Amino acid sequence: QLQASGGGSVQAGGSLRLSCEERGRPFRWFGMGWFRQAPGKDREFVATINWNGASLEYADSVKGRFTISRENAKNTVYLQMNSLKIEDTAVYYCAARIDGTIERPQDKWDYWGQGTQVTVSS
């Protein structure tokens, strides 16, 4: 089970760190990703990291502001979000790929966590 946390409300320009913990499955071998869904919009890719942290990818909209990382000893993946913008407001979801690689299309992911709300205000 993937358990996401760390969402909240923040002013534009602020920072938040999201966490997603895997409970019960072999996290260290999973590729991990973050996605988000803004009100009235489709869910979209945000960032992904492979099983050992050697490969990373980001959506253009967050590149340079967000950082994905993982701590296999804690079965946790993080999303550090800096310089937040109002348009970053969304429900953020973590996801896992069994084969350990990175992907962007949502249908390539095997497990999904529940979302955590991020609200950025002016």
N, C-alpha and C. Protein backbone atom coordinates (compact mmCIF):
# COMPACT_ATOMS: atom_id res chain seq x y z
N GLN A 1 0.84 -1.19 0.00
CA GLN A 1 0.00 0.00 0.00
C GLN A 1 0.88 1.25 0.00
N LEU A 2 0.56 2.19 -0.88
CA LEU A 2 1.28 3.45 -0.95
C LEU A 2 0.52 4.50 -0.16
N GLN A 3 1.22 5.14 0.77
CA GLN A 3 0.59 6.14 1.63
C GLN A 3 1.28 7.47 1.42
N ALA A 4 0.56 8.41 0.80
CA ALA A 4 1.11 9.74 0.55
C ALA A 4 0.73 10.69 1.68
N SER A 5 1.63 11.64 1.94
CA SER A 5 1.38 12.62 2.99
C SER A 5 2.20 13.88 2.69
N GLY A 6 1.95 14.92 3.46
CA GLY A 6 2.73 16.14 3.34
C GLY A 6 2.06 17.28 2.61
N GLY A 7 0.88 17.03 2.08
CA GLY A 7 0.17 18.11 1.42
C GLY A 7 -0.30 19.17 2.40
N GLY A 8 -0.76 20.27 1.86
CA GLY A 8 -1.25 21.35 2.71
C GLY A 8 -1.46 22.61 1.91
N SER A 9 -1.62 23.70 2.64
CA SER A 9 -1.83 25.01 2.02
C SER A 9 -0.60 25.87 2.23
N VAL A 10 -0.19 26.56 1.18
CA VAL A 10 1.01 27.38 1.23
C VAL A 10 0.82 28.57 0.30
N GLN A 11 1.51 29.65 0.60
CA GLN A 11 1.46 30.82 -0.28
C GLN A 11 2.40 30.62 -1.46
N ALA A 12 2.09 31.30 -2.53
CA ALA A 12 2.94 31.26 -3.71
C ALA A 12 4.37 31.64 -3.33
N GLY A 13 5.32 30.89 -3.90
CA GLY A 13 6.72 31.10 -3.56
C GLY A 13 7.21 30.22 -2.44
N GLY A 14 6.29 29.57 -1.75
CA GLY A 14 6.65 28.73 -0.63
C GLY A 14 7.06 27.33 -1.06
N SER A 15 7.26 26.47 -0.06
CA SER A 15 7.75 25.11 -0.31
C SER A 15 6.92 24.10 0.49
N LEU A 16 6.86 22.89 -0.04
CA LEU A 16 6.29 21.75 0.65
C LEU A 16 7.10 20.53 0.26
N ARG A 17 7.11 19.53 1.14
CA ARG A 17 7.71 18.25 0.79
C ARG A 17 6.67 17.15 0.98
N LEU A 18 6.40 16.45 -0.11
CA LEU A 18 5.49 15.33 -0.07
C LEU A 18 6.28 14.04 0.18
N SER A 19 5.66 13.13 0.88
CA SER A 19 6.25 11.81 1.13
C SER A 19 5.28 10.74 0.69
N CYS A 20 5.81 9.62 0.27
CA CYS A 20 4.98 8.47 -0.09
C CYS A 20 5.70 7.22 0.40
N GLU A 21 5.08 6.55 1.36
CA GLU A 21 5.66 5.37 1.95
C GLU A 21 4.98 4.12 1.43
N GLU A 22 5.77 3.13 1.05
CA GLU A 22 5.23 1.83 0.65
C GLU A 22 5.23 0.92 1.86
N ARG A 23 4.07 0.33 2.11
CA ARG A 23 3.93 -0.57 3.27
C ARG A 23 3.56 -1.96 2.77
N GLY A 24 4.50 -2.87 2.87
CA GLY A 24 4.19 -4.27 2.61
C GLY A 24 4.78 -4.87 1.35
N ARG A 25 5.23 -4.04 0.41
CA ARG A 25 5.76 -4.58 -0.85
C ARG A 25 7.23 -4.17 -0.98
N PRO A 26 7.97 -4.82 -1.89
CA PRO A 26 9.42 -4.59 -2.00
C PRO A 26 9.77 -3.27 -2.66
N PHE A 27 9.65 -2.20 -1.92
CA PHE A 27 9.82 -0.85 -2.43
C PHE A 27 11.15 -0.65 -3.14
N ARG A 28 12.22 -1.24 -2.61
CA ARG A 28 13.55 -0.91 -3.12
C ARG A 28 13.72 -1.26 -4.60
N TRP A 29 12.88 -2.12 -5.13
CA TRP A 29 12.98 -2.52 -6.53
C TRP A 29 12.02 -1.75 -7.44
N PHE A 30 11.17 -0.92 -6.86
CA PHE A 30 10.16 -0.22 -7.64
C PHE A 30 10.67 1.05 -8.26
N GLY A 31 10.26 1.34 -9.52
CA GLY A 31 10.30 2.69 -10.01
C GLY A 31 9.17 3.46 -9.36
N MET A 32 9.40 4.74 -9.07
CA MET A 32 8.38 5.53 -8.39
C MET A 32 8.09 6.81 -9.16
N GLY A 33 6.88 7.30 -9.01
CA GLY A 33 6.50 8.52 -9.72
C GLY A 33 5.51 9.34 -8.93
N TRP A 34 5.44 10.60 -9.30
CA TRP A 34 4.43 11.53 -8.78
C TRP A 34 3.62 12.06 -9.95
N PHE A 35 2.33 12.14 -9.73
CA PHE A 35 1.40 12.70 -10.69
C PHE A 35 0.50 13.67 -9.95
N ARG A 36 -0.22 14.50 -10.69
CA ARG A 36 -1.14 15.43 -10.04
C ARG A 36 -2.37 15.66 -10.90
N GLN A 37 -3.44 16.02 -10.22
CA GLN A 37 -4.68 16.33 -10.90
C GLN A 37 -5.25 17.62 -10.34
N ALA A 38 -5.29 18.63 -11.18
CA ALA A 38 -5.85 19.92 -10.80
C ALA A 38 -7.36 19.89 -11.03
N PRO A 39 -8.09 20.76 -10.36
CA PRO A 39 -9.55 20.79 -10.52
C PRO A 39 -9.94 20.97 -11.98
N GLY A 40 -10.80 20.09 -12.46
CA GLY A 40 -11.31 20.19 -13.81
C GLY A 40 -10.35 19.75 -14.90
N LYS A 41 -9.21 19.19 -14.49
CA LYS A 41 -8.21 18.78 -15.48
C LYS A 41 -7.89 17.29 -15.32
N ASP A 42 -7.26 16.73 -16.35
CA ASP A 42 -6.83 15.34 -16.29
C ASP A 42 -5.60 15.22 -15.39
N ARG A 43 -5.40 14.04 -14.87
CA ARG A 43 -4.20 13.78 -14.08
C ARG A 43 -2.99 13.83 -15.02
N GLU A 44 -1.88 14.40 -14.53
CA GLU A 44 -0.70 14.56 -15.37
C GLU A 44 0.56 14.11 -14.64
N PHE A 45 1.55 13.77 -15.42
CA PHE A 45 2.85 13.36 -14.91
C PHE A 45 3.57 14.56 -14.28
N VAL A 46 4.28 14.30 -13.17
CA VAL A 46 5.08 15.34 -12.52
C VAL A 46 6.56 14.96 -12.50
N ALA A 47 6.87 13.78 -11.94
CA ALA A 47 8.28 13.39 -11.80
C ALA A 47 8.36 11.89 -11.59
N THR A 48 9.51 11.31 -11.92
CA THR A 48 9.70 9.88 -11.74
C THR A 48 11.17 9.59 -11.44
N ILE A 49 11.40 8.49 -10.72
CA ILE A 49 12.74 8.08 -10.33
C ILE A 49 12.81 6.56 -10.42
N ASN A 50 13.94 6.04 -10.90
CA ASN A 50 14.03 4.58 -11.03
C ASN A 50 14.41 3.95 -9.69
N TRP A 51 14.60 2.64 -9.68
CA TRP A 51 14.73 1.93 -8.42
C TRP A 51 15.94 2.34 -7.60
N ASN A 52 17.04 2.71 -8.26
CA ASN A 52 18.25 3.05 -7.50
C ASN A 52 18.53 4.54 -7.50
N GLY A 53 17.63 5.34 -8.04
CA GLY A 53 17.80 6.79 -8.02
C GLY A 53 18.71 7.33 -9.10
N ALA A 54 19.17 6.48 -10.01
CA ALA A 54 20.12 6.92 -11.03
C ALA A 54 19.44 7.63 -12.19
N SER A 55 18.17 7.39 -12.41
CA SER A 55 17.44 8.00 -13.52
C SER A 55 16.27 8.80 -12.97
N LEU A 56 16.17 10.05 -13.44
CA LEU A 56 15.11 10.95 -13.01
C LEU A 56 14.53 11.63 -14.24
N GLU A 57 13.25 11.94 -14.18
CA GLU A 57 12.63 12.77 -15.22
C GLU A 57 11.61 13.68 -14.57
N TYR A 58 11.43 14.84 -15.18
CA TYR A 58 10.48 15.82 -14.66
C TYR A 58 9.62 16.37 -15.79
N ALA A 59 8.41 16.74 -15.46
CA ALA A 59 7.60 17.51 -16.38
C ALA A 59 8.24 18.88 -16.56
N ASP A 60 8.12 19.44 -17.74
CA ASP A 60 8.72 20.75 -18.00
C ASP A 60 8.18 21.81 -17.04
N SER A 61 6.94 21.68 -16.65
CA SER A 61 6.31 22.70 -15.80
C SER A 61 6.89 22.76 -14.39
N VAL A 62 7.59 21.71 -13.97
CA VAL A 62 8.14 21.69 -12.61
C VAL A 62 9.66 21.62 -12.59
N LYS A 63 10.26 21.46 -13.73
CA LYS A 63 11.72 21.31 -13.81
C LYS A 63 12.41 22.53 -13.20
N GLY A 64 13.38 22.28 -12.34
CA GLY A 64 14.09 23.36 -11.68
C GLY A 64 13.46 23.82 -10.38
N ARG A 65 12.22 23.40 -10.13
CA ARG A 65 11.53 23.79 -8.89
C ARG A 65 11.25 22.58 -7.99
N PHE A 66 10.98 21.43 -8.59
CA PHE A 66 10.66 20.22 -7.84
C PHE A 66 11.82 19.23 -7.93
N THR A 67 12.01 18.47 -6.86
CA THR A 67 13.03 17.44 -6.83
C THR A 67 12.44 16.15 -6.27
N ILE A 68 12.58 15.08 -7.04
CA ILE A 68 12.15 13.76 -6.57
C ILE A 68 13.37 13.03 -6.02
N SER A 69 13.17 12.33 -4.93
CA SER A 69 14.25 11.54 -4.33
C SER A 69 13.64 10.35 -3.62
N ARG A 70 14.49 9.43 -3.22
CA ARG A 70 13.98 8.26 -2.52
C ARG A 70 14.94 7.83 -1.43
N GLU A 71 14.40 7.18 -0.43
CA GLU A 71 15.18 6.64 0.68
C GLU A 71 14.72 5.20 0.87
N ASN A 72 15.44 4.28 0.25
CA ASN A 72 14.99 2.89 0.23
C ASN A 72 14.95 2.28 1.63
N ALA A 73 15.82 2.74 2.51
CA ALA A 73 15.82 2.21 3.88
C ALA A 73 14.52 2.54 4.61
N LYS A 74 13.84 3.58 4.15
CA LYS A 74 12.57 3.98 4.77
C LYS A 74 11.38 3.69 3.88
N ASN A 75 11.62 2.99 2.76
CA ASN A 75 10.53 2.65 1.83
C ASN A 75 9.75 3.89 1.41
N THR A 76 10.44 4.98 1.19
CA THR A 76 9.77 6.26 0.96
C THR A 76 10.36 7.00 -0.23
N VAL A 77 9.48 7.61 -1.00
CA VAL A 77 9.86 8.53 -2.06
C VAL A 77 9.36 9.91 -1.67
N TYR A 78 10.13 10.93 -2.04
CA TYR A 78 9.80 12.30 -1.67
C TYR A 78 9.63 13.16 -2.92
N LEU A 79 8.89 14.24 -2.76
CA LEU A 79 8.82 15.28 -3.79
C LEU A 79 8.98 16.61 -3.07
N GLN A 80 10.16 17.18 -3.20
CA GLN A 80 10.42 18.51 -2.65
C GLN A 80 9.94 19.54 -3.67
N MET A 81 9.03 20.40 -3.24
CA MET A 81 8.44 21.38 -4.13
C MET A 81 8.79 22.77 -3.63
N ASN A 82 9.57 23.49 -4.42
CA ASN A 82 9.98 24.85 -4.09
C ASN A 82 9.39 25.84 -5.08
N SER A 83 9.42 27.10 -4.72
CA SER A 83 8.91 28.17 -5.60
C SER A 83 7.52 27.81 -6.13
N LEU A 84 6.66 27.41 -5.24
CA LEU A 84 5.33 26.95 -5.66
C LEU A 84 4.53 28.08 -6.29
N LYS A 85 3.76 27.68 -7.30
CA LYS A 85 2.90 28.60 -8.03
C LYS A 85 1.45 28.21 -7.82
N ILE A 86 0.57 29.15 -8.06
CA ILE A 86 -0.86 28.88 -7.90
C ILE A 86 -1.26 27.69 -8.78
N GLU A 87 -0.67 27.61 -9.95
CA GLU A 87 -1.02 26.53 -10.89
C GLU A 87 -0.50 25.17 -10.46
N ASP A 88 0.25 25.10 -9.38
CA ASP A 88 0.65 23.81 -8.82
C ASP A 88 -0.43 23.22 -7.93
N THR A 89 -1.48 23.97 -7.68
CA THR A 89 -2.58 23.47 -6.87
C THR A 89 -3.20 22.24 -7.52
N ALA A 90 -3.25 21.15 -6.77
CA ALA A 90 -3.73 19.88 -7.31
C ALA A 90 -3.74 18.84 -6.20
N VAL A 91 -4.37 17.71 -6.51
CA VAL A 91 -4.18 16.52 -5.69
C VAL A 91 -2.99 15.77 -6.27
N TYR A 92 -2.03 15.45 -5.42
CA TYR A 92 -0.81 14.78 -5.85
C TYR A 92 -0.88 13.30 -5.47
N TYR A 93 -0.53 12.45 -6.44
CA TYR A 93 -0.57 11.01 -6.26
C TYR A 93 0.82 10.42 -6.47
N CYS A 94 1.17 9.41 -5.68
CA CYS A 94 2.37 8.65 -5.96
C CYS A 94 1.98 7.32 -6.62
N ALA A 95 2.92 6.78 -7.36
CA ALA A 95 2.68 5.53 -8.09
C ALA A 95 3.96 4.72 -8.13
N ALA A 96 3.80 3.40 -8.37
CA ALA A 96 4.94 2.49 -8.38
C ALA A 96 4.92 1.59 -9.61
N ARG A 97 6.11 1.32 -10.12
CA ARG A 97 6.28 0.37 -11.22
C ARG A 97 7.10 -0.81 -10.72
N ILE A 98 6.58 -2.02 -10.93
CA ILE A 98 7.22 -3.23 -10.41
C ILE A 98 8.59 -3.44 -11.03
N ASP A 99 8.78 -3.07 -12.30
CA ASP A 99 10.04 -3.41 -12.96
C ASP A 99 11.17 -2.43 -12.65
N GLY A 100 10.87 -1.41 -11.85
CA GLY A 100 11.94 -0.54 -11.36
C GLY A 100 12.34 0.60 -12.27
N THR A 101 11.75 0.65 -13.46
CA THR A 101 12.14 1.68 -14.41
C THR A 101 11.24 2.90 -14.29
N ILE A 102 11.52 3.90 -15.14
CA ILE A 102 10.73 5.11 -15.12
C ILE A 102 9.86 5.18 -16.38
N GLU A 103 8.70 5.76 -16.23
CA GLU A 103 7.78 5.95 -17.33
C GLU A 103 6.95 7.20 -17.07
N ARG A 104 6.37 7.75 -18.14
CA ARG A 104 5.45 8.89 -17.96
C ARG A 104 3.98 8.51 -18.12
N PRO A 105 3.62 7.69 -19.11
CA PRO A 105 2.20 7.38 -19.28
C PRO A 105 1.61 6.71 -18.04
N GLN A 106 0.42 7.13 -17.69
CA GLN A 106 -0.18 6.64 -16.46
C GLN A 106 -0.55 5.17 -16.53
N ASP A 107 -0.81 4.66 -17.73
CA ASP A 107 -1.19 3.25 -17.83
C ASP A 107 -0.01 2.31 -17.68
N LYS A 108 1.19 2.86 -17.50
CA LYS A 108 2.38 2.03 -17.31
C LYS A 108 2.67 1.76 -15.83
N TRP A 109 1.85 2.27 -14.94
CA TRP A 109 2.11 2.18 -13.51
C TRP A 109 1.25 1.09 -12.88
N ASP A 110 1.84 0.36 -11.92
CA ASP A 110 1.19 -0.81 -11.36
C ASP A 110 0.39 -0.51 -10.09
N TYR A 111 0.91 0.35 -9.26
CA TYR A 111 0.23 0.67 -7.99
C TYR A 111 0.10 2.18 -7.84
N TRP A 112 -0.99 2.56 -7.21
CA TRP A 112 -1.26 3.98 -6.96
C TRP A 112 -1.60 4.18 -5.49
N GLY A 113 -1.14 5.32 -4.97
CA GLY A 113 -1.53 5.70 -3.63
C GLY A 113 -2.73 6.62 -3.66
N GLN A 114 -3.24 6.91 -2.48
CA GLN A 114 -4.31 7.90 -2.40
C GLN A 114 -3.68 9.28 -2.57
N GLY A 115 -4.44 10.26 -2.92
CA GLY A 115 -3.89 11.58 -3.17
C GLY A 115 -3.69 12.39 -1.90
N THR A 116 -2.86 13.42 -2.04
CA THR A 116 -2.69 14.40 -0.98
C THR A 116 -2.85 15.78 -1.61
N GLN A 117 -3.65 16.61 -0.97
CA GLN A 117 -4.02 17.90 -1.56
C GLN A 117 -2.93 18.93 -1.31
N VAL A 118 -2.57 19.64 -2.38
CA VAL A 118 -1.66 20.78 -2.28
C VAL A 118 -2.41 22.00 -2.81
N THR A 119 -2.49 23.03 -1.99
CA THR A 119 -3.19 24.26 -2.37
C THR A 119 -2.22 25.42 -2.24
N VAL A 120 -2.02 26.14 -3.34
CA VAL A 120 -1.12 27.29 -3.36
C VAL A 120 -1.97 28.54 -3.58
N SER A 121 -1.83 29.50 -2.70
CA SER A 121 -2.63 30.72 -2.79
C SER A 121 -1.72 31.94 -2.97
N SER A 122 -2.32 33.01 -3.42
CA SER A 122 -1.55 34.24 -3.66
C SER A 122 -1.41 35.06 -2.39
